[in-house]
Amino acid sequence: MSELVPVQQSQEATVAPIRQAGHSDDAVTFAQVSHRLARNLFDAGLRLDSLHEVFEQNSVTAAELRTASTAVGTVLNQLDAVLRETGLFVPGPVLNWRS
């Protein structure tokens, strides 16, 4: 049975390794990276959805628009970093994965 255990509390929780009998370290690491990617994509979607409301309002000030635009840029930069890290890691385990 898989078990996810938070290792430390921060803005982004770190997840302890998923261990299952018979799975290689590459499979475990691939599962961890996939889980992190999915969690980050979900989080980014929630943040972008909340920012969407700012752009839909009629009575938004220029300062509010600048703040929301900066927040969107931050979300996109964080997603870019996660996708780059995932892209750098994933090819190794996928190419080495044996059923």
PDB file of N, CA and C in Angstrom:
ATOM      1  N   MET A   1       0.842  -1.176   0.000  1.00  0.00           N
ATOM      2  CA  MET A   1       0.000   0.000   0.000  1.00  0.00           C
ATOM      3  C   MET A   1       0.887   1.239   0.000  1.00  0.00           C
ATOM      4  N   SER A   2       0.562   2.248  -0.817  1.00  0.00           N
ATOM      5  CA  SER A   2       1.315   3.501  -0.884  1.00  0.00           C
ATOM      6  C   SER A   2       1.034   4.339   0.338  1.00  0.00           C
ATOM      7  N   GLU A   3       2.042   5.120   0.717  1.00  0.00           N
ATOM      8  CA  GLU A   3       1.872   5.997   1.866  1.00  0.00           C
ATOM      9  C   GLU A   3       2.567   7.320   1.587  1.00  0.00           C
ATOM     10  N   LEU A   4       1.826   8.421   1.697  1.00  0.00           N
ATOM     11  CA  LEU A   4       2.385   9.748   1.539  1.00  0.00           C
ATOM     12  C   LEU A   4       2.479  10.383   2.916  1.00  0.00           C
ATOM     13  N   VAL A   5       3.662  10.843   3.280  1.00  0.00           N
ATOM     14  CA  VAL A   5       3.866  11.441   4.589  1.00  0.00           C
ATOM     15  C   VAL A   5       4.561  12.777   4.410  1.00  0.00           C
ATOM     16  N   PRO A   6       3.938  13.894   4.879  1.00  0.00           N
ATOM     17  CA  PRO A   6       4.628  15.178   4.778  1.00  0.00           C
ATOM     18  C   PRO A   6       5.913  15.163   5.605  1.00  0.00           C
ATOM     19  N   VAL A   7       7.003  15.657   5.023  1.00  0.00           N
ATOM     20  CA  VAL A   7       8.284  15.688   5.698  1.00  0.00           C
ATOM     21  C   VAL A   7       8.465  17.000   6.436  1.00  0.00           C
ATOM     22  N   GLN A   8       8.085  18.105   5.813  1.00  0.00           N
ATOM     23  CA  GLN A   8       8.216  19.400   6.443  1.00  0.00           C
ATOM     24  C   GLN A   8       7.066  20.277   6.004  1.00  0.00           C
ATOM     25  N   GLN A   9       6.737  21.258   6.817  1.00  0.00           N
ATOM     26  CA  GLN A   9       5.682  22.188   6.467  1.00  0.00           C
ATOM     27  C   GLN A   9       6.312  23.463   5.948  1.00  0.00           C
ATOM     28  N   SER A  10       5.895  23.900   4.799  1.00  0.00           N
ATOM     29  CA  SER A  10       6.328  25.156   4.219  1.00  0.00           C
ATOM     30  C   SER A  10       5.207  25.632   3.326  1.00  0.00           C
ATOM     31  N   GLN A  11       5.466  26.647   2.529  1.00  0.00           N
ATOM     32  CA  GLN A  11       4.434  27.105   1.612  1.00  0.00           C
ATOM     33  C   GLN A  11       4.056  25.979   0.656  1.00  0.00           C
ATOM     34  N   GLU A  12       5.030  25.167   0.301  1.00  0.00           N
ATOM     35  CA  GLU A  12       4.784  24.003  -0.546  1.00  0.00           C
ATOM     36  C   GLU A  12       5.273  22.788   0.232  1.00  0.00           C
ATOM     37  N   ALA A  13       4.342  21.936   0.669  1.00  0.00           N
ATOM     38  CA  ALA A  13       4.717  20.783   1.479  1.00  0.00           C
ATOM     39  C   ALA A  13       5.557  19.807   0.666  1.00  0.00           C
ATOM     40  N   THR A  14       6.554  19.241   1.300  1.00  0.00           N
ATOM     41  CA  THR A  14       7.382  18.215   0.688  1.00  0.00           C
ATOM     42  C   THR A  14       6.789  16.865   1.059  1.00  0.00           C
ATOM     43  N   VAL A  15       6.778  15.953   0.125  1.00  0.00           N
ATOM     44  CA  VAL A  15       6.181  14.645   0.358  1.00  0.00           C
ATOM     45  C   VAL A  15       7.288  13.609   0.481  1.00  0.00           C
ATOM     46  N   ALA A  16       7.160  12.760   1.485  1.00  0.00           N
ATOM     47  CA  ALA A  16       8.128  11.683   1.686  1.00  0.00           C
ATOM     48  C   ALA A  16       8.013  10.691   0.534  1.00  0.00           C
ATOM     49  N   PRO A  17       9.048   9.919   0.304  1.00  0.00           N
ATOM     50  CA  PRO A  17       9.027   8.952  -0.797  1.00  0.00           C
ATOM     51  C   PRO A  17       7.847   7.985  -0.720  1.00  0.00           C
ATOM     52  N   ILE A  18       7.322   7.642  -1.875  1.00  0.00           N
ATOM     53  CA  ILE A  18       6.275   6.632  -1.965  1.00  0.00           C
ATOM     54  C   ILE A  18       6.984   5.298  -2.100  1.00  0.00           C
ATOM     55  N   ARG A  19       6.750   4.395  -1.204  1.00  0.00           N
ATOM     56  CA  ARG A  19       7.435   3.103  -1.229  1.00  0.00           C
ATOM     57  C   ARG A  19       6.424   1.977  -1.449  1.00  0.00           C
ATOM     58  N   GLN A  20       6.683   1.167  -2.428  1.00  0.00           N
ATOM     59  CA  GLN A  20       5.900  -0.031  -2.666  1.00  0.00           C
ATOM     60  C   GLN A  20       6.873  -1.156  -2.981  1.00  0.00           C
ATOM     61  N   ALA A  21       6.567  -2.311  -2.479  1.00  0.00           N
ATOM     62  CA  ALA A  21       7.432  -3.465  -2.721  1.00  0.00           C
ATOM     63  C   ALA A  21       7.550  -3.720  -4.217  1.00  0.00           C
ATOM     64  N   GLY A  22       8.761  -3.956  -4.678  1.00  0.00           N
ATOM     65  CA  GLY A  22       8.977  -4.323  -6.068  1.00  0.00           C
ATOM     66  C   GLY A  22       9.164  -3.160  -7.020  1.00  0.00           C
ATOM     67  N   HIS A  23       9.130  -1.924  -6.532  1.00  0.00           N
ATOM     68  CA  HIS A  23       9.303  -0.774  -7.411  1.00  0.00           C
ATOM     69  C   HIS A  23      10.720  -0.239  -7.298  1.00  0.00           C
ATOM     70  N   SER A  24      11.307   0.105  -8.431  1.00  0.00           N
ATOM     71  CA  SER A  24      12.669   0.625  -8.465  1.00  0.00           C
ATOM     72  C   SER A  24      12.692   2.059  -7.955  1.00  0.00           C
ATOM     73  N   ASP A  25      13.893   2.538  -7.660  1.00  0.00           N
ATOM     74  CA  ASP A  25      14.051   3.923  -7.230  1.00  0.00           C
ATOM     75  C   ASP A  25      13.575   4.882  -8.310  1.00  0.00           C
ATOM     76  N   ASP A  26      13.811   4.544  -9.591  1.00  0.00           N
ATOM     77  CA  ASP A  26      13.338   5.403 -10.675  1.00  0.00           C
ATOM     78  C   ASP A  26      11.818   5.506 -10.674  1.00  0.00           C
ATOM     79  N   ALA A  27      11.141   4.413 -10.446  1.00  0.00           N
ATOM     80  CA  ALA A  27       9.672   4.424 -10.415  1.00  0.00           C
ATOM     81  C   ALA A  27       9.178   5.262  -9.251  1.00  0.00           C
ATOM     82  N   VAL A  28       9.824   5.146  -8.115  1.00  0.00           N
ATOM     83  CA  VAL A  28       9.442   5.914  -6.930  1.00  0.00           C
ATOM     84  C   VAL A  28       9.669   7.399  -7.196  1.00  0.00           C
ATOM     85  N   THR A  29      10.813   7.731  -7.732  1.00  0.00           N
ATOM     86  CA  THR A  29      11.128   9.127  -8.007  1.00  0.00           C
ATOM     87  C   THR A  29      10.195   9.691  -9.070  1.00  0.00           C
ATOM     88  N   PHE A  30       9.892   8.909 -10.095  1.00  0.00           N
ATOM     89  CA  PHE A  30       8.958   9.337 -11.130  1.00  0.00           C
ATOM     90  C   PHE A  30       7.595   9.642 -10.511  1.00  0.00           C
ATOM     91  N   ALA A  31       7.135   8.803  -9.601  1.00  0.00           N
ATOM     92  CA  ALA A  31       5.850   9.034  -8.932  1.00  0.00           C
ATOM     93  C   ALA A  31       5.896  10.322  -8.118  1.00  0.00           C
ATOM     94  N   GLN A  32       7.013  10.564  -7.441  1.00  0.00           N
ATOM     95  CA  GLN A  32       7.144  11.791  -6.647  1.00  0.00           C
ATOM     96  C   GLN A  32       7.113  13.029  -7.536  1.00  0.00           C
ATOM     97  N   VAL A  33       7.863  13.002  -8.625  1.00  0.00           N
ATOM     98  CA  VAL A  33       7.914  14.145  -9.535  1.00  0.00           C
ATOM     99  C   VAL A  33       6.541  14.372 -10.167  1.00  0.00           C
ATOM    100  N   SER A  34       5.872  13.306 -10.550  1.00  0.00           N
ATOM    101  CA  SER A  34       4.540  13.418 -11.139  1.00  0.00           C
ATOM    102  C   SER A  34       3.555  14.008 -10.144  1.00  0.00           C
ATOM    103  N   HIS A  35       3.635  13.568  -8.900  1.00  0.00           N
ATOM    104  CA  HIS A  35       2.752  14.081  -7.853  1.00  0.00           C
ATOM    105  C   HIS A  35       2.999  15.566  -7.634  1.00  0.00           C
ATOM    106  N   ARG A  36       4.266  15.961  -7.582  1.00  0.00           N
ATOM    107  CA  ARG A  36       4.612  17.369  -7.385  1.00  0.00           C
ATOM    108  C   ARG A  36       4.101  18.213  -8.552  1.00  0.00           C
ATOM    109  N   LEU A  37       4.272  17.727  -9.768  1.00  0.00           N
ATOM    110  CA  LEU A  37       3.809  18.453 -10.943  1.00  0.00           C
ATOM    111  C   LEU A  37       2.292  18.635 -10.903  1.00  0.00           C
ATOM    112  N   ALA A  38       1.569  17.573 -10.613  1.00  0.00           N
ATOM    113  CA  ALA A  38       0.109  17.655 -10.553  1.00  0.00           C
ATOM    114  C   ALA A  38      -0.339  18.628  -9.471  1.00  0.00           C
ATOM    115  N   ARG A  39       0.303  18.569  -8.314  1.00  0.00           N
ATOM    116  CA  ARG A  39      -0.042  19.460  -7.200  1.00  0.00           C
ATOM    117  C   ARG A  39       0.217  20.915  -7.581  1.00  0.00           C
ATOM    118  N   ASN A  40       1.348  21.181  -8.246  1.00  0.00           N
ATOM    119  CA  ASN A  40       1.673  22.545  -8.651  1.00  0.00           C
ATOM    120  C   ASN A  40       0.737  23.067  -9.740  1.00  0.00           C
ATOM    121  N   LEU A  41       0.365  22.206 -10.679  1.00  0.00           N
ATOM    122  CA  LEU A  41      -0.577  22.616 -11.716  1.00  0.00           C
ATOM    123  C   LEU A  41      -1.942  22.949 -11.126  1.00  0.00           C
ATOM    124  N   PHE A  42      -2.392  22.151 -10.164  1.00  0.00           N
ATOM    125  CA  PHE A  42      -3.672  22.395  -9.510  1.00  0.00           C
ATOM    126  C   PHE A  42      -3.620  23.715  -8.746  1.00  0.00           C
ATOM    127  N   ASP A  43      -2.539  23.935  -7.997  1.00  0.00           N
ATOM    128  CA  ASP A  43      -2.375  25.163  -7.229  1.00  0.00           C
ATOM    129  C   ASP A  43      -2.354  26.387  -8.145  1.00  0.00           C
ATOM    130  N   ALA A  44      -1.630  26.288  -9.250  1.00  0.00           N
ATOM    131  CA  ALA A  44      -1.563  27.404 -10.197  1.00  0.00           C
ATOM    132  C   ALA A  44      -2.948  27.702 -10.774  1.00  0.00           C
ATOM    133  N   GLY A  45      -3.697  26.664 -11.077  1.00  0.00           N
ATOM    134  CA  GLY A  45      -5.055  26.851 -11.590  1.00  0.00           C
ATOM    135  C   GLY A  45      -5.938  27.580 -10.600  1.00  0.00           C
ATOM    136  N   LEU A  46      -5.824  27.221  -9.328  1.00  0.00           N
ATOM    137  CA  LEU A  46      -6.621  27.902  -8.301  1.00  0.00           C
ATOM    138  C   LEU A  46      -6.234  29.372  -8.178  1.00  0.00           C
ATOM    139  N   ARG A  47      -4.928  29.641  -8.193  1.00  0.00           N
ATOM    140  CA  ARG A  47      -4.476  31.029  -8.074  1.00  0.00           C
ATOM    141  C   ARG A  47      -4.887  31.849  -9.293  1.00  0.00           C
ATOM    142  N   LEU A  48      -4.750  31.291 -10.487  1.00  0.00           N
ATOM    143  CA  LEU A  48      -5.144  32.010 -11.688  1.00  0.00           C
ATOM    144  C   LEU A  48      -6.649  32.241 -11.733  1.00  0.00           C
ATOM    145  N   ASP A  49      -7.427  31.288 -11.243  1.00  0.00           N
ATOM    146  CA  ASP A  49      -8.875  31.439 -11.208  1.00  0.00           C
ATOM    147  C   ASP A  49      -9.264  32.598 -10.301  1.00  0.00           C
ATOM    148  N   SER A  50      -8.614  32.717  -9.145  1.00  0.00           N
ATOM    149  CA  SER A  50      -8.939  33.819  -8.242  1.00  0.00           C
ATOM    150  C   SER A  50      -8.507  35.161  -8.839  1.00  0.00           C
ATOM    151  N   LEU A  51      -7.399  35.177  -9.589  1.00  0.00           N
ATOM    152  CA  LEU A  51      -6.951  36.417 -10.227  1.00  0.00           C
ATOM    153  C   LEU A  51      -7.852  36.804 -11.400  1.00  0.00           C
ATOM    154  N   HIS A  52      -8.490  35.838 -12.002  1.00  0.00           N
ATOM    155  CA  HIS A  52      -9.377  36.096 -13.139  1.00  0.00           C
ATOM    156  C   HIS A  52     -10.460  37.095 -12.755  1.00  0.00           C
ATOM    157  N   GLU A  53     -10.945  37.027 -11.525  1.00  0.00           N
ATOM    158  CA  GLU A  53     -12.004  37.927 -11.062  1.00  0.00           C
ATOM    159  C   GLU A  53     -11.567  39.385 -11.129  1.00  0.00           C
ATOM    160  N   VAL A  54     -10.298  39.655 -10.851  1.00  0.00           N
ATOM    161  CA  VAL A  54      -9.802  41.030 -10.888  1.00  0.00           C
ATOM    162  C   VAL A  54      -9.941  41.597 -12.299  1.00  0.00           C
ATOM    163  N   PHE A  55      -9.595  40.811 -13.294  1.00  0.00           N
ATOM    164  CA  PHE A  55      -9.633  41.295 -14.673  1.00  0.00           C
ATOM    165  C   PHE A  55     -11.057  41.426 -15.216  1.00  0.00           C
ATOM    166  N   GLU A  56     -12.009  40.765 -14.579  1.00  0.00           N
ATOM    167  CA  GLU A  56     -13.405  40.813 -15.033  1.00  0.00           C
ATOM    168  C   GLU A  56     -14.190  41.971 -14.421  1.00  0.00           C
ATOM    169  N   GLN A  57     -13.668  42.599 -13.387  1.00  0.00           N
ATOM    170  CA  GLN A  57     -14.382  43.685 -12.713  1.00  0.00           C
ATOM    171  C   GLN A  57     -14.335  44.959 -13.551  1.00  0.00           C
ATOM    172  N   ASN A  58     -15.404  45.747 -13.444  1.00  0.00           N
ATOM    173  CA  ASN A  58     -15.461  47.017 -14.160  1.00  0.00           C
ATOM    174  C   ASN A  58     -14.793  48.146 -13.380  1.00  0.00           C
ATOM    175  N   SER A  59     -14.775  48.041 -12.074  1.00  0.00           N
ATOM    176  CA  SER A  59     -14.265  49.131 -11.231  1.00  0.00           C
ATOM    177  C   SER A  59     -12.874  48.829 -10.671  1.00  0.00           C
ATOM    178  N   VAL A  60     -11.991  48.288 -11.494  1.00  0.00           N
ATOM    179  CA  VAL A  60     -10.650  47.932 -11.059  1.00  0.00           C
ATOM    180  C   VAL A  60      -9.721  49.120 -11.265  1.00  0.00           C
ATOM    181  N   THR A  61      -8.901  49.408 -10.265  1.00  0.00           N
ATOM    182  CA  THR A  61      -7.934  50.497 -10.392  1.00  0.00           C
ATOM    183  C   THR A  61      -6.695  50.007 -11.141  1.00  0.00           C
ATOM    184  N   ALA A  62      -5.926  50.951 -11.600  1.00  0.00           N
ATOM    185  CA  ALA A  62      -4.679  50.614 -12.307  1.00  0.00           C
ATOM    186  C   ALA A  62      -3.728  49.870 -11.375  1.00  0.00           C
ATOM    187  N   ALA A  63      -3.700  50.259 -10.122  1.00  0.00           N
ATOM    188  CA  ALA A  63      -2.825  49.592  -9.145  1.00  0.00           C
ATOM    189  C   ALA A  63      -3.244  48.141  -8.941  1.00  0.00           C
ATOM    190  N   GLU A  64      -4.553  47.884  -8.886  1.00  0.00           N
ATOM    191  CA  GLU A  64      -5.040  46.510  -8.731  1.00  0.00           C
ATOM    192  C   GLU A  64      -4.689  45.661  -9.955  1.00  0.00           C
ATOM    193  N   LEU A  65      -4.806  46.261 -11.135  1.00  0.00           N
ATOM    194  CA  LEU A  65      -4.447  45.540 -12.350  1.00  0.00           C
ATOM    195  C   LEU A  65      -2.956  45.227 -12.391  1.00  0.00           C
ATOM    196  N   ARG A  66      -2.110  46.179 -11.985  1.00  0.00           N
ATOM    197  CA  ARG A  66      -0.664  45.921 -11.937  1.00  0.00           C
ATOM    198  C   ARG A  66      -0.344  44.809 -10.951  1.00  0.00           C
ATOM    199  N   THR A  67      -0.989  44.838  -9.779  1.00  0.00           N
ATOM    200  CA  THR A  67      -0.752  43.805  -8.768  1.00  0.00           C
ATOM    201  C   THR A  67      -1.180  42.442  -9.287  1.00  0.00           C
ATOM    202  N   ALA A  68      -2.351  42.375  -9.915  1.00  0.00           N
ATOM    203  CA  ALA A  68      -2.844  41.104 -10.458  1.00  0.00           C
ATOM    204  C   ALA A  68      -1.947  40.624 -11.599  1.00  0.00           C
ATOM    205  N   SER A  69      -1.498  41.538 -12.439  1.00  0.00           N
ATOM    206  CA  SER A  69      -0.610  41.163 -13.543  1.00  0.00           C
ATOM    207  C   SER A  69       0.708  40.614 -13.019  1.00  0.00           C
ATOM    208  N   THR A  70       1.231  41.238 -11.982  1.00  0.00           N
ATOM    209  CA  THR A  70       2.467  40.744 -11.357  1.00  0.00           C
ATOM    210  C   THR A  70       2.250  39.358 -10.774  1.00  0.00           C
ATOM    211  N   ALA A  71       1.100  39.145 -10.135  1.00  0.00           N
ATOM    212  CA  ALA A  71       0.791  37.834  -9.554  1.00  0.00           C
ATOM    213  C   ALA A  71       0.691  36.765 -10.644  1.00  0.00           C
ATOM    214  N   VAL A  72       0.080  37.100 -11.775  1.00  0.00           N
ATOM    215  CA  VAL A  72      -0.011  36.150 -12.898  1.00  0.00           C
ATOM    216  C   VAL A  72       1.392  35.802 -13.388  1.00  0.00           C
ATOM    217  N   GLY A  73       2.250  36.809 -13.518  1.00  0.00           N
ATOM    218  CA  GLY A  73       3.626  36.564 -13.935  1.00  0.00           C
ATOM    219  C   GLY A  73       4.359  35.647 -12.967  1.00  0.00           C
ATOM    220  N   THR A  74       4.129  35.842 -11.677  1.00  0.00           N
ATOM    221  CA  THR A  74       4.753  34.991 -10.658  1.00  0.00           C
ATOM    222  C   THR A  74       4.289  33.546 -10.796  1.00  0.00           C
ATOM    223  N   VAL A  75       2.992  33.346 -10.982  1.00  0.00           N
ATOM    224  CA  VAL A  75       2.446  31.994 -11.164  1.00  0.00           C
ATOM    225  C   VAL A  75       3.064  31.337 -12.393  1.00  0.00           C
ATOM    226  N   LEU A  76       3.142  32.069 -13.487  1.00  0.00           N
ATOM    227  CA  LEU A  76       3.704  31.509 -14.719  1.00  0.00           C
ATOM    228  C   LEU A  76       5.193  31.198 -14.573  1.00  0.00           C
ATOM    229  N   ASN A  77       5.934  32.050 -13.873  1.00  0.00           N
ATOM    230  CA  ASN A  77       7.354  31.777 -13.632  1.00  0.00           C
ATOM    231  C   ASN A  77       7.545  30.529 -12.779  1.00  0.00           C
ATOM    232  N   GLN A  78       6.691  30.358 -11.761  1.00  0.00           N
ATOM    233  CA  GLN A  78       6.780  29.169 -10.918  1.00  0.00           C
ATOM    234  C   GLN A  78       6.441  27.910 -11.715  1.00  0.00           C
ATOM    235  N   LEU A  79       5.421  27.991 -12.554  1.00  0.00           N
ATOM    236  CA  LEU A  79       5.073  26.846 -13.410  1.00  0.00           C
ATOM    237  C   LEU A  79       6.205  26.530 -14.373  1.00  0.00           C
ATOM    238  N   ASP A  80       6.811  27.544 -14.940  1.00  0.00           N
ATOM    239  CA  ASP A  80       7.935  27.347 -15.848  1.00  0.00           C
ATOM    240  C   ASP A  80       9.065  26.593 -15.147  1.00  0.00           C
ATOM    241  N   ALA A  81       9.374  26.998 -13.920  1.00  0.00           N
ATOM    242  CA  ALA A  81      10.449  26.336 -13.164  1.00  0.00           C
ATOM    243  C   ALA A  81      10.110  24.874 -12.888  1.00  0.00           C
ATOM    244  N   VAL A  82       8.866  24.601 -12.485  1.00  0.00           N
ATOM    245  CA  VAL A  82       8.458  23.224 -12.188  1.00  0.00           C
ATOM    246  C   VAL A  82       8.498  22.373 -13.453  1.00  0.00           C
ATOM    247  N   LEU A  83       8.016  22.924 -14.564  1.00  0.00           N
ATOM    248  CA  LEU A  83       8.019  22.164 -15.815  1.00  0.00           C
ATOM    249  C   LEU A  83       9.445  21.903 -16.300  1.00  0.00           C
ATOM    250  N   ARG A  84      10.340  22.859 -16.129  1.00  0.00           N
ATOM    251  CA  ARG A  84      11.740  22.646 -16.516  1.00  0.00           C
ATOM    252  C   ARG A  84      12.378  21.553 -15.657  1.00  0.00           C
ATOM    253  N   GLU A  85      12.150  21.609 -14.339  1.00  0.00           N
ATOM    254  CA  GLU A  85      12.704  20.595 -13.443  1.00  0.00           C
ATOM    255  C   GLU A  85      12.163  19.215 -13.804  1.00  0.00           C
ATOM    256  N   THR A  86      10.865  19.151 -14.075  1.00  0.00           N
ATOM    257  CA  THR A  86      10.249  17.878 -14.446  1.00  0.00           C
ATOM    258  C   THR A  86      10.826  17.378 -15.763  1.00  0.00           C
ATOM    259  N   GLY A  87      10.976  18.272 -16.726  1.00  0.00           N
ATOM    260  CA  GLY A  87      11.524  17.894 -18.027  1.00  0.00           C
ATOM    261  C   GLY A  87      12.966  17.432 -17.947  1.00  0.00           C
ATOM    262  N   LEU A  88      13.728  18.010 -17.017  1.00  0.00           N
ATOM    263  CA  LEU A  88      15.114  17.583 -16.846  1.00  0.00           C
ATOM    264  C   LEU A  88      15.205  16.216 -16.191  1.00  0.00           C
ATOM    265  N   PHE A  89      14.251  15.894 -15.322  1.00  0.00           N
ATOM    266  CA  PHE A  89      14.319  14.647 -14.591  1.00  0.00           C
ATOM    267  C   PHE A  89      13.677  13.482 -15.336  1.00  0.00           C
ATOM    268  N   VAL A  90      12.495  13.685 -15.871  1.00  0.00           N
ATOM    269  CA  VAL A  90      11.654  12.593 -16.360  1.00  0.00           C
ATOM    270  C   VAL A  90      12.299  11.718 -17.432  1.00  0.00           C
ATOM    271  N   PRO A  91      13.040  12.238 -18.405  1.00  0.00           N
ATOM    272  CA  PRO A  91      13.568  11.334 -19.438  1.00  0.00           C
ATOM    273  C   PRO A  91      14.419  10.177 -18.902  1.00  0.00           C
ATOM    274  N   GLY A  92      15.229  10.398 -17.874  1.00  0.00           N
ATOM    275  CA  GLY A  92      16.069   9.322 -17.336  1.00  0.00           C
ATOM    276  C   GLY A  92      15.261   8.139 -16.843  1.00  0.00           C
ATOM    277  N   PRO A  93      14.352   8.345 -15.884  1.00  0.00           N
ATOM    278  CA  PRO A  93      13.559   7.221 -15.384  1.00  0.00           C
ATOM    279  C   PRO A  93      12.682   6.577 -16.445  1.00  0.00           C
ATOM    280  N   VAL A  94      12.144   7.379 -17.364  1.00  0.00           N
ATOM    281  CA  VAL A  94      11.272   6.803 -18.393  1.00  0.00           C
ATOM    282  C   VAL A  94      12.076   5.897 -19.313  1.00  0.00           C
ATOM    283  N   LEU A  95      13.273   6.336 -19.699  1.00  0.00           N
ATOM    284  CA  LEU A  95      14.097   5.519 -20.577  1.00  0.00           C
ATOM    285  C   LEU A  95      14.623   4.276 -19.868  1.00  0.00           C
ATOM    286  N   ASN A  96      14.838   4.363 -18.554  1.00  0.00           N
ATOM    287  CA  ASN A  96      15.369   3.242 -17.777  1.00  0.00           C
ATOM    288  C   ASN A  96      14.278   2.335 -17.210  1.00  0.00           C
ATOM    289  N   TRP A  97      13.025   2.700 -17.357  1.00  0.00           N
ATOM    290  CA  TRP A  97      11.920   1.981 -16.724  1.00  0.00           C
ATOM    291  C   TRP A  97      11.749   0.621 -17.376  1.00  0.00           C
ATOM    292  N   ARG A  98      11.761  -0.397 -16.560  1.00  0.00           N
ATOM    293  CA  ARG A  98      11.530  -1.772 -17.029  1.00  0.00           C
ATOM    294  C   ARG A  98      10.293  -2.316 -16.316  1.00  0.00           C
ATOM    295  N   SER A  99       9.414  -2.920 -17.039  1.00  0.00           N
ATOM    296  CA  SER A  99       8.180  -3.472 -16.442  1.00  0.00           C
ATOM    297  C   SER A  99       8.503  -4.694 -15.620  1.00  0.00           C
TER     298      SER A  99
END
